[in-house]
């Protein structure tokens, strides 16, 4: 097993490895993948989530799973999302503007929805590339197989969100600068812990919160179906990160824990303060006759710590989901807890347990897929399995 205190790939790369299933090799040294012993010591840690793949198979190119042409939508007259999901409308400047131009209000809200879905598409592309990069460095065949499995699933997410955006708007919007920078930082990171915390725990956690919110609150039935299907996959991707945390965090030295905790805090703060800020979508405001600087000025007045804390009381709030993910993983300690406590009540997490937002939605989605794929009743199958276990 790799020594956590020693560099792995090069002198400036430190792999914090506490379990040999996460041992990594240089991505440019394929000879390491030809070593015989790695095939004789395949970990079974990921077998359960690998074998569950068939339960949640779906194809975005097959209309029996989702029909992107079967749900037409009028972007000028039909709201895709409610007003309170558009932060800019909370500002006096933007709300007063659309009081003068009410005919543009719905179109504006739907453009913000387009920006949100485009951001998700870019995030899925990041997850696809990151999963592929793990295939090049993870030495354990079991871990490598799961990374390849996730890569396949992220590929269908990219296809699905691209088809949804094309069906509604024709084309996606460019990735916001903050998300683009963070995704590149995570994907190109040579350290496995940075990849897993950044993508498998935080970005995937953020996605689960966003998908749950869209499923529960958006008006577009096509978006609801799409996000539920994607959640049937994402719930397992998130578990991959949890397995890493369970096998790594308790074994870290104080110094190593500080490194991991600081990286997580860096990613979280980057997303919290910038992800939905007006400067990330200037082009939209300009198109609707709004001054981005004035929008930002108004946004800063309403996006206070108190407002964020109130919003993060909602179980599906994406940033609340991220904090809960880090807390449940044991990453947050007293060093950084006070920062997060500005926005969430940690006592509430204790009463909520380990269940993550969206798990129930994903479970219902898997039952739906089992009916399509196998013609079976998911609840009935679970009862049969439970009876078999009880009889043993």
Protein backbone atom coordinates (compact mmCIF):
# COMPACT_ATOMS: atom_id res chain seq x y z
CA UNK A 1 0.00 0.00 0.00
CA UNK A 2 1.23 3.48 -0.79
CA UNK A 3 2.84 5.47 2.01
CA UNK A 4 0.58 8.42 2.75
CA UNK A 5 3.55 10.59 3.70
CA UNK A 6 5.49 10.01 0.48
CA UNK A 7 4.90 11.40 -3.00
CA UNK A 8 3.52 8.93 -5.48
CA UNK A 9 3.69 10.15 -9.07
CA UNK A 10 6.28 12.89 -8.70
CA UNK A 11 7.93 14.98 -6.05
CA UNK A 12 5.17 17.60 -6.12
CA UNK A 13 2.24 15.15 -5.96
CA UNK A 14 1.14 13.73 -2.64
CA UNK A 15 -1.29 10.84 -2.68
CA UNK A 16 -3.05 10.51 0.67
CA UNK A 17 -3.75 6.79 0.48
CA UNK A 18 -5.00 4.75 3.43
CA UNK A 19 -6.40 1.76 1.59
CA UNK A 20 -4.69 -0.14 -1.21
CA UNK A 21 -7.89 -0.16 -3.29
CA UNK A 22 -7.19 3.53 -3.93
CA UNK A 23 -3.51 3.12 -4.77
CA UNK A 24 -2.73 5.10 -7.90
CA UNK A 25 -0.14 4.82 -10.64
CA UNK A 26 1.12 7.52 -13.02
CA UNK A 27 -1.42 8.01 -15.84
CA UNK A 28 1.42 7.94 -18.37
CA UNK A 29 2.88 4.60 -17.16
CA UNK A 30 0.66 1.89 -18.62
CA UNK A 31 3.23 -0.75 -17.72
CA UNK A 32 1.92 -0.59 -14.14
CA UNK A 33 -1.41 -1.90 -15.42
CA UNK A 34 0.33 -4.94 -16.88
CA UNK A 35 1.61 -6.16 -13.53
CA UNK A 36 0.22 -9.62 -12.78
CA UNK A 37 -0.34 -9.22 -9.04
CA UNK A 38 -3.03 -6.57 -9.45
CA UNK A 39 -5.33 -9.14 -11.09
CA UNK A 40 -4.81 -11.56 -8.21
CA UNK A 41 -5.83 -9.04 -5.56
CA UNK A 42 -9.00 -7.46 -6.93
CA UNK A 43 -10.99 -5.73 -4.20
CA UNK A 44 -14.62 -6.69 -3.67
CA UNK A 45 -15.42 -3.31 -2.04
CA UNK A 46 -17.32 -2.07 -5.08
CA UNK A 47 -18.94 -5.31 -6.26
CA UNK A 48 -22.34 -4.47 -4.80
CA UNK A 49 -22.68 -1.14 -6.59
CA UNK A 50 -21.24 -2.62 -9.78
CA UNK A 51 -23.72 -5.52 -9.79
CA UNK A 52 -26.62 -3.12 -9.17
CA UNK A 53 -25.97 -1.48 -12.55
CA UNK A 54 -28.52 -3.61 -14.38
CA UNK A 55 -31.25 -2.49 -11.95
CA UNK A 56 -31.04 1.11 -13.12
CA UNK A 57 -30.16 0.78 -16.79
CA UNK A 58 -31.81 3.30 -19.10
CA UNK A 59 -31.13 4.68 -22.55
CA UNK A 60 -31.68 8.37 -23.41
CA UNK A 61 -31.95 7.41 -27.08
CA UNK A 62 -34.89 5.06 -26.46
CA UNK A 63 -38.30 6.72 -26.12
CA UNK A 64 -39.63 3.94 -23.89
CA UNK A 65 -37.45 5.42 -21.13
CA UNK A 66 -37.82 9.10 -21.98
CA UNK A 67 -39.31 10.80 -25.03
CA UNK A 68 -37.67 14.16 -25.67
CA UNK A 69 -40.09 14.91 -28.50
CA UNK A 70 -43.28 13.97 -26.67
CA UNK A 71 -43.60 16.95 -24.28
CA UNK A 72 -43.77 20.25 -26.21
CA UNK A 73 -43.26 23.49 -24.24
CA UNK A 74 -43.97 27.14 -25.09
CA UNK A 75 -41.07 29.17 -23.67
CA UNK A 76 -43.01 32.43 -24.05
CA UNK A 77 -46.11 31.41 -22.10
CA UNK A 78 -45.16 28.45 -19.86
CA UNK A 79 -42.95 28.78 -16.78
CA UNK A 80 -40.45 25.97 -16.45
CA UNK A 81 -39.60 26.95 -12.86
CA UNK A 82 -41.28 29.04 -10.11
CA UNK A 83 -40.27 32.64 -9.33
CA UNK A 84 -38.47 31.84 -6.07
CA UNK A 85 -35.99 29.65 -7.91
CA UNK A 86 -34.70 32.65 -9.86
CA UNK A 87 -32.48 34.60 -7.40
CA UNK A 88 -32.33 37.72 -9.56
CA UNK A 89 -36.10 38.21 -9.22
CA UNK A 90 -35.56 38.78 -5.50
CA UNK A 91 -33.78 42.04 -6.27
CA UNK A 92 -35.69 45.30 -6.62
CA UNK A 93 -33.80 46.21 -9.78
CA UNK A 94 -34.75 43.07 -11.72
CA UNK A 95 -38.29 42.76 -10.39
CA UNK A 96 -39.04 46.40 -11.24
CA UNK A 97 -37.58 45.92 -14.72
CA UNK A 98 -40.01 43.12 -15.49
CA UNK A 99 -42.92 45.05 -14.05
CA UNK A 100 -42.24 47.45 -16.93
CA UNK A 101 -41.71 44.58 -19.39
CA UNK A 102 -44.07 41.80 -18.22
CA UNK A 103 -44.05 40.15 -21.64
CA UNK A 104 -40.37 39.24 -21.10
CA UNK A 105 -40.68 37.80 -17.61
CA UNK A 106 -41.49 34.17 -18.48
CA UNK A 107 -38.90 34.08 -21.24
CA UNK A 108 -36.29 35.43 -18.79
CA UNK A 109 -37.12 32.80 -16.17
CA UNK A 110 -36.86 30.09 -18.78
CA UNK A 111 -33.47 31.39 -19.90
CA UNK A 112 -32.26 31.07 -16.30
CA UNK A 113 -33.56 27.49 -16.39
CA UNK A 114 -31.58 27.00 -19.60
CA UNK A 115 -28.46 28.29 -17.84
CA UNK A 116 -29.07 25.89 -14.92
CA UNK A 117 -29.51 22.90 -17.21
CA UNK A 118 -26.44 23.92 -19.21
CA UNK A 119 -24.41 24.08 -15.98
CA UNK A 120 -25.62 20.56 -15.16
CA UNK A 121 -24.62 19.39 -18.65
CA UNK A 122 -21.12 20.81 -18.17
CA UNK A 123 -20.94 19.20 -14.73
CA UNK A 124 -21.88 15.83 -16.23
CA UNK A 125 -19.16 16.28 -18.83
CA UNK A 126 -16.72 16.93 -16.00
CA UNK A 127 -17.87 13.77 -14.24
CA UNK A 128 -17.44 11.78 -17.46
CA UNK A 129 -13.87 12.99 -17.94
CA UNK A 130 -12.99 12.53 -14.28
CA UNK A 131 -14.29 8.95 -14.25
CA UNK A 132 -12.23 8.24 -17.34
CA UNK A 133 -9.16 9.73 -15.66
CA UNK A 134 -9.62 7.43 -12.66
CA UNK A 135 -9.52 4.46 -15.03
CA UNK A 136 -5.99 5.51 -15.99
CA UNK A 137 -4.66 5.75 -12.43
CA UNK A 138 -6.52 3.38 -10.08
CA UNK A 139 -4.47 0.22 -9.77
CA UNK A 140 -7.13 -2.01 -8.20
CA UNK A 141 -9.22 -3.76 -10.90
CA UNK A 142 -12.42 -3.48 -8.82
CA UNK A 143 -12.04 0.26 -8.33
CA UNK A 144 -11.08 0.63 -11.97
CA UNK A 145 -14.14 -1.33 -13.09
CA UNK A 146 -16.46 0.88 -11.07
CA UNK A 147 -14.82 4.02 -12.50
CA UNK A 148 -15.40 2.61 -16.00
CA UNK A 149 -18.99 1.79 -15.04
CA UNK A 150 -19.57 5.34 -13.87
CA UNK A 151 -17.93 6.66 -17.02
CA UNK A 152 -20.56 4.84 -19.09
CA UNK A 153 -23.38 6.26 -16.99
CA UNK A 154 -22.02 9.81 -17.11
CA UNK A 155 -21.89 9.44 -20.87
CA UNK A 156 -25.62 8.83 -21.04
CA UNK A 157 -26.21 11.79 -18.72
CA UNK A 158 -24.32 14.05 -21.11
CA UNK A 159 -26.40 12.72 -23.99
CA UNK A 160 -29.66 13.09 -22.05
CA UNK A 161 -29.13 16.67 -20.87
CA UNK A 162 -27.91 17.71 -24.31
CA UNK A 163 -31.10 16.26 -25.83
CA UNK A 164 -33.29 17.99 -23.23
CA UNK A 165 -31.65 21.36 -23.82
CA UNK A 166 -31.88 20.92 -27.59
CA UNK A 167 -35.58 20.03 -27.29
CA UNK A 168 -36.35 23.13 -25.20
CA UNK A 169 -33.89 25.81 -26.40
CA UNK A 170 -31.94 24.47 -29.37
CA UNK A 171 -28.49 24.67 -27.77
CA UNK A 172 -26.80 24.93 -24.36
CA UNK A 173 -25.18 28.05 -22.91
CA UNK A 174 -21.44 28.27 -22.19
CA UNK A 175 -20.16 27.05 -18.83
CA UNK A 176 -19.93 29.79 -16.20
CA UNK A 177 -16.32 30.78 -15.40
CA UNK A 178 -16.39 29.62 -11.76
CA UNK A 179 -17.77 26.17 -12.55
CA UNK A 180 -15.45 25.80 -15.54
CA UNK A 181 -12.38 26.62 -13.43
CA UNK A 182 -13.38 24.28 -10.60
CA UNK A 183 -14.20 21.40 -12.95
CA UNK A 184 -10.83 21.72 -14.65
CA UNK A 185 -9.11 21.87 -11.26
CA UNK A 186 -10.83 18.67 -10.14
CA UNK A 187 -10.49 16.73 -13.40
CA UNK A 188 -6.81 17.58 -13.84
CA UNK A 189 -5.87 17.05 -10.18
CA UNK A 190 -3.25 14.27 -9.97
CA UNK A 191 -4.32 13.46 -6.40
CA UNK A 192 -7.04 10.81 -6.15
CA UNK A 193 -8.44 12.31 -2.93
CA UNK A 194 -9.01 15.64 -4.71
CA UNK A 195 -10.88 13.90 -7.51
CA UNK A 196 -13.09 11.85 -5.19
CA UNK A 197 -13.92 14.67 -2.75
CA UNK A 198 -14.36 17.25 -5.49
CA UNK A 199 -16.48 15.18 -7.86
CA UNK A 200 -17.84 12.01 -6.19
CA UNK A 201 -18.82 13.79 -2.98
CA UNK A 202 -19.30 17.51 -3.67
CA UNK A 203 -20.30 17.86 -7.33
CA UNK A 204 -22.33 14.64 -7.24
CA UNK A 205 -23.87 15.76 -3.93
CA UNK A 206 -24.71 19.13 -5.43
CA UNK A 207 -26.25 17.37 -8.41
CA UNK A 208 -28.46 15.20 -6.19
CA UNK A 209 -29.76 18.31 -4.44
CA UNK A 210 -30.37 20.10 -7.74
CA UNK A 211 -32.11 17.10 -9.29
CA UNK A 212 -34.34 16.61 -6.25
CA UNK A 213 -35.34 20.27 -6.39
CA UNK A 214 -36.09 20.11 -10.11
CA UNK A 215 -38.06 16.90 -9.67
CA UNK A 216 -40.14 18.35 -6.85
CA UNK A 217 -40.59 21.95 -7.96
CA UNK A 218 -40.18 22.48 -11.69
CA UNK A 219 -43.28 22.54 -13.86
CA UNK A 220 -41.85 20.71 -16.87
CA UNK A 221 -42.76 16.97 -16.72
CA UNK A 222 -39.90 16.15 -19.11
CA UNK A 223 -37.37 17.71 -16.72
CA UNK A 224 -38.91 15.77 -13.84
CA UNK A 225 -38.61 12.45 -15.67
CA UNK A 226 -35.05 13.22 -16.78
CA UNK A 227 -33.77 14.15 -13.33
CA UNK A 228 -35.33 11.07 -11.73
CA UNK A 229 -33.66 8.80 -14.27
CA UNK A 230 -30.30 10.47 -13.70
CA UNK A 231 -30.74 10.19 -9.93
CA UNK A 232 -31.02 6.41 -10.23
CA UNK A 233 -27.37 6.50 -11.35
CA UNK A 234 -26.09 9.38 -9.22
CA UNK A 235 -27.14 7.74 -5.97
CA UNK A 236 -24.57 5.02 -6.67
CA UNK A 237 -21.87 7.47 -7.77
CA UNK A 238 -22.30 9.22 -4.45
CA UNK A 239 -21.87 5.85 -2.68
CA UNK A 240 -18.48 5.43 -4.36
CA UNK A 241 -17.35 8.60 -2.60
CA UNK A 242 -18.85 7.38 0.69
CA UNK A 243 -16.90 4.11 0.46
CA UNK A 244 -13.71 6.13 0.02
CA UNK A 245 -14.57 8.29 3.06
CA UNK A 246 -15.41 5.29 5.26
CA UNK A 247 -12.12 3.59 4.38
CA UNK A 248 -9.93 6.69 4.49
CA UNK A 249 -11.05 9.50 6.82
CA UNK A 250 -10.80 7.56 10.14
CA UNK A 251 -7.19 6.59 9.33
CA UNK A 252 -5.88 10.07 8.51
CA UNK A 253 -3.26 11.75 10.66
CA UNK A 254 -4.20 15.24 11.94
CA UNK A 255 -1.99 16.82 9.28
CA UNK A 256 -3.48 14.72 6.50
CA UNK A 257 -7.00 15.45 7.72
CA UNK A 258 -6.24 19.18 7.57
CA UNK A 259 -5.17 18.84 3.93
CA UNK A 260 -8.34 16.95 2.98
CA UNK A 261 -10.58 19.27 5.02
CA UNK A 262 -9.05 22.39 3.46
CA UNK A 263 -9.55 21.04 -0.06
CA UNK A 264 -13.20 20.29 0.69
CA UNK A 265 -13.70 23.78 2.16
CA UNK A 266 -12.06 25.34 -0.89
CA UNK A 267 -14.45 23.54 -3.26
CA UNK A 268 -17.49 24.32 -1.10
CA UNK A 269 -16.75 28.02 -0.74
CA UNK A 270 -16.07 28.36 -4.46
CA UNK A 271 -19.51 26.93 -5.22
CA UNK A 272 -21.40 28.70 -2.41
CA UNK A 273 -20.29 32.23 -3.24
CA UNK A 274 -20.14 32.02 -7.01
CA UNK A 275 -22.23 29.26 -8.57
CA UNK A 276 -25.50 31.20 -9.00
CA UNK A 277 -24.08 34.72 -8.73
CA UNK A 278 -25.15 37.14 -11.50
CA UNK A 279 -21.63 37.60 -12.85
CA UNK A 280 -21.73 33.96 -13.98
CA UNK A 281 -24.52 34.69 -16.47
CA UNK A 282 -23.91 38.25 -17.67
CA UNK A 283 -24.97 37.49 -21.23
CA UNK A 284 -28.52 36.69 -20.17
CA UNK A 285 -28.98 39.98 -18.32
CA UNK A 286 -27.61 42.01 -21.22
CA UNK A 287 -29.99 40.28 -23.63
CA UNK A 288 -32.95 41.34 -21.49
CA UNK A 289 -31.79 44.96 -21.17
CA UNK A 290 -30.38 44.60 -17.65
CA UNK A 291 -27.09 45.99 -16.38
CA UNK A 292 -25.11 43.02 -14.89
CA UNK A 293 -23.36 45.33 -12.41
CA UNK A 294 -26.67 46.61 -11.06
CA UNK A 295 -28.00 43.05 -10.87
CA UNK A 296 -24.91 42.07 -8.88
CA UNK A 297 -25.34 45.07 -6.59
CA UNK A 298 -28.93 44.08 -5.88
CA UNK A 299 -27.96 40.43 -5.45
CA UNK A 300 -25.39 41.30 -2.79
CA UNK A 301 -28.11 43.06 -0.79
CA UNK A 302 -30.38 40.02 -0.72
CA UNK A 303 -27.76 37.21 -0.67
CA UNK A 304 -26.82 37.76 2.97
CA UNK A 305 -25.62 35.10 5.39
CA UNK A 306 -29.04 35.29 7.06
CA UNK A 307 -30.78 34.69 3.74
CA UNK A 308 -28.48 31.79 2.89
CA UNK A 309 -29.12 30.23 6.31
CA UNK A 310 -32.87 30.47 5.79
CA UNK A 311 -32.62 28.90 2.33
CA UNK A 312 -30.40 26.11 3.63
CA UNK A 313 -33.10 24.95 6.01
CA UNK A 314 -34.69 23.27 2.99
CA UNK A 315 -33.60 19.63 2.75
CA UNK A 316 -33.13 19.89 -1.02
CA UNK A 317 -31.02 23.05 -0.90
CA UNK A 318 -27.93 22.13 -2.87
CA UNK A 319 -25.50 23.72 -0.41
CA UNK A 320 -27.14 22.08 2.57
CA UNK A 321 -26.69 18.75 0.79
CA UNK A 322 -22.98 19.51 0.35
CA UNK A 323 -22.46 20.35 4.04
CA UNK A 324 -24.32 17.21 5.11
CA UNK A 325 -22.18 15.13 2.74
CA UNK A 326 -18.95 16.47 4.25
CA UNK A 327 -20.29 16.16 7.81
CA UNK A 328 -21.48 12.57 7.40
CA UNK A 329 -18.14 11.67 5.84
CA UNK A 330 -16.28 12.96 8.90
CA UNK A 331 -14.37 15.55 6.88
CA UNK A 332 -15.60 18.61 8.81
CA UNK A 333 -13.90 19.12 12.19
CA UNK A 334 -13.85 21.98 14.69
CA UNK A 335 -11.28 23.70 12.46
CA UNK A 336 -13.90 24.59 9.85
CA UNK A 337 -17.19 23.77 11.57
CA UNK A 338 -17.82 27.39 12.61
CA UNK A 339 -17.78 28.50 8.97
CA UNK A 340 -20.42 25.94 7.94
CA UNK A 341 -22.40 26.61 11.13
CA UNK A 342 -23.05 30.11 9.78
CA UNK A 343 -25.49 28.48 7.39
CA UNK A 344 -26.66 25.16 8.87
CA UNK A 345 -27.64 23.63 12.19
CA UNK A 346 -25.49 20.54 12.67
CA UNK A 347 -27.88 19.18 15.30
CA UNK A 348 -30.46 18.69 12.56
CA UNK A 349 -28.09 16.40 10.67
CA UNK A 350 -27.87 14.09 13.68
CA UNK A 351 -31.62 13.54 13.66
CA UNK A 352 -31.75 13.05 9.87
CA UNK A 353 -29.32 10.12 9.75
CA UNK A 354 -27.31 9.08 6.71
CA UNK A 355 -30.14 9.18 4.18
CA UNK A 356 -29.37 11.73 1.47
CA UNK A 357 -31.84 13.93 -0.33
CA UNK A 358 -33.09 12.25 -3.45
CA UNK A 359 -32.58 8.67 -2.26
CA UNK A 360 -36.33 8.01 -2.14
CA UNK A 361 -36.85 9.58 -5.58
CA UNK A 362 -34.04 7.43 -6.98
CA UNK A 363 -35.54 4.31 -5.40
CA UNK A 364 -38.89 4.97 -7.07
CA UNK A 365 -37.05 5.54 -10.34
CA UNK A 366 -35.30 2.17 -10.04
CA UNK A 367 -38.66 0.44 -9.52
CA UNK A 368 -39.91 2.16 -12.67
CA UNK A 369 -36.85 0.94 -14.60
CA UNK A 370 -37.22 -2.61 -13.29
CA UNK A 371 -40.74 -2.65 -14.63
CA UNK A 372 -39.52 -1.55 -18.08
CA UNK A 373 -36.38 -3.67 -18.20
CA UNK A 374 -37.58 -6.87 -16.57
CA UNK A 375 -41.36 -6.59 -16.44
CA UNK A 376 -41.28 -7.05 -12.68
CA UNK A 377 -42.73 -5.37 -9.64
CA UNK A 378 -39.78 -3.92 -7.69
CA UNK A 379 -41.62 -4.10 -4.36
CA UNK A 380 -42.64 -7.69 -4.94
CA UNK A 381 -39.05 -8.63 -5.83
CA UNK A 382 -37.74 -6.99 -2.67
CA UNK A 383 -40.27 -8.93 -0.59
CA UNK A 384 -39.15 -12.20 -2.19
CA UNK A 385 -35.50 -11.43 -1.44
CA UNK A 386 -36.32 -10.48 2.15
CA UNK A 387 -38.27 -13.72 2.64
CA UNK A 388 -35.37 -15.73 1.24
CA UNK A 389 -32.91 -14.08 3.62
CA UNK A 390 -35.23 -14.66 6.59
CA UNK A 391 -35.57 -18.33 5.69
CA UNK A 392 -31.80 -18.94 5.65
